[in-house]
C-alpha atoms as a PDB file:
ATOM      1  CA  UNK A   1       0.000   0.000   0.000  1.00  0.00           C
ATOM      2  CA  UNK A   2       1.166   3.513  -0.780  1.00  0.00           C
ATOM      3  CA  UNK A   3       0.799   5.054   2.684  1.00  0.00           C
ATOM      4  CA  UNK A   4       1.962   8.500   1.536  1.00  0.00           C
ATOM      5  CA  UNK A   5      -0.924   8.681  -0.945  1.00  0.00           C
ATOM      6  CA  UNK A   6      -3.308   7.152   1.591  1.00  0.00           C
ATOM      7  CA  UNK A   7      -2.441   9.894   4.098  1.00  0.00           C
ATOM      8  CA  UNK A   8      -3.080  12.560   1.463  1.00  0.00           C
ATOM      9  CA  UNK A   9      -6.389  10.916   0.531  1.00  0.00           C
ATOM     10  CA  UNK A  10      -7.355  10.746   4.204  1.00  0.00           C
ATOM     11  CA  UNK A  11      -6.508  14.412   4.749  1.00  0.00           C
ATOM     12  CA  UNK A  12      -8.492  15.417   1.648  1.00  0.00           C
ATOM     13  CA  UNK A  13     -11.511  13.278   2.594  1.00  0.00           C
ATOM     14  CA  UNK A  14     -11.218  10.841  -0.315  1.00  0.00           C
ATOM     15  CA  UNK A  15     -11.078   7.945   2.188  1.00  0.00           C
ATOM     16  CA  UNK A  16     -12.420   7.670   5.749  1.00  0.00           C
ATOM     17  CA  UNK A  17      -9.653   5.688   7.449  1.00  0.00           C
ATOM     18  CA  UNK A  18      -6.374   3.827   7.138  1.00  0.00           C
ATOM     19  CA  UNK A  19      -6.067   0.532   9.022  1.00  0.00           C
ATOM     20  CA  UNK A  20      -2.490  -0.432   9.908  1.00  0.00           C
ATOM     21  CA  UNK A  21      -1.495  -3.855  11.249  1.00  0.00           C
ATOM     22  CA  UNK A  22       1.705  -4.322  13.279  1.00  0.00           C
ATOM     23  CA  UNK A  23       3.527  -6.017  10.388  1.00  0.00           C
ATOM     24  CA  UNK A  24       2.795  -3.014   8.114  1.00  0.00           C
ATOM     25  CA  UNK A  25       3.583  -0.342  10.691  1.00  0.00           C
ATOM     26  CA  UNK A  26       7.252   0.202   9.665  1.00  0.00           C
ATOM     27  CA  UNK A  27       6.150   1.109   6.120  1.00  0.00           C
ATOM     28  CA  UNK A  28       3.423   3.380   7.488  1.00  0.00           C
ATOM     29  CA  UNK A  29       5.852   5.025   9.930  1.00  0.00           C
ATOM     30  CA  UNK A  30       8.197   5.922   7.087  1.00  0.00           C
ATOM     31  CA  UNK A  31       5.370   7.725   5.239  1.00  0.00           C
ATOM     32  CA  UNK A  32       4.075   9.285   8.476  1.00  0.00           C
ATOM     33  CA  UNK A  33       7.439  10.766   9.422  1.00  0.00           C
ATOM     34  CA  UNK A  34       7.587  12.720   6.151  1.00  0.00           C
ATOM     35  CA  UNK A  35       3.881  13.708   6.129  1.00  0.00           C
ATOM     36  CA  UNK A  36       3.720  17.487   6.749  1.00  0.00           C
ATOM     37  CA  UNK A  37       0.073  17.517   7.911  1.00  0.00           C
ATOM     38  CA  UNK A  38       0.295  15.179  10.899  1.00  0.00           C
ATOM     39  CA  UNK A  39      -2.056  17.384  12.919  1.00  0.00           C
ATOM     40  CA  UNK A  40      -4.890  16.616  10.455  1.00  0.00           C
ATOM     41  CA  UNK A  41      -4.805  12.871  11.229  1.00  0.00           C
ATOM     42  CA  UNK A  42      -5.233  10.995  14.489  1.00  0.00           C
ATOM     43  CA  UNK A  43      -4.602   7.379  15.373  1.00  0.00           C
ATOM     44  CA  UNK A  44      -6.926   5.122  17.351  1.00  0.00           C
ATOM     45  CA  UNK A  45      -5.147   2.174  18.956  1.00  0.00           C
ATOM     46  CA  UNK A  46      -6.806  -1.232  19.072  1.00  0.00           C
ATOM     47  CA  UNK A  47      -5.864  -4.575  20.552  1.00  0.00           C
ATOM     48  CA  UNK A  48      -2.995  -6.619  19.144  1.00  0.00           C
ATOM     49  CA  UNK A  49      -1.134  -3.543  17.901  1.00  0.00           C
ATOM     50  CA  UNK A  50      -3.633  -2.506  15.251  1.00  0.00           C
ATOM     51  CA  UNK A  51      -4.129   1.219  14.657  1.00  0.00           C
ATOM     52  CA  UNK A  52      -6.797   3.014  12.651  1.00  0.00           C
ATOM     53  CA  UNK A  53      -6.009   6.486  11.385  1.00  0.00           C
ATOM     54  CA  UNK A  54      -8.858   8.951  10.766  1.00  0.00           C
ATOM     55  CA  UNK A  55      -9.165  12.655  10.009  1.00  0.00           C
ATOM     56  CA  UNK A  56      -8.864  14.805  13.107  1.00  0.00           C
ATOM     57  CA  UNK A  57     -11.945  16.877  13.846  1.00  0.00           C
END
């Protein structure tokens, strides 16, 4: 998955959420660290290390 594009789509409202499993988190973290609009997205932690990212309200 292209997490950089997914973050842009999430920020712009094209998608509602990004679900990240623990095994995919390193790839997501790389895109997240270079994403300049981090304050527009928030993460919701779930059991077993899963995180869902949604637009911040």
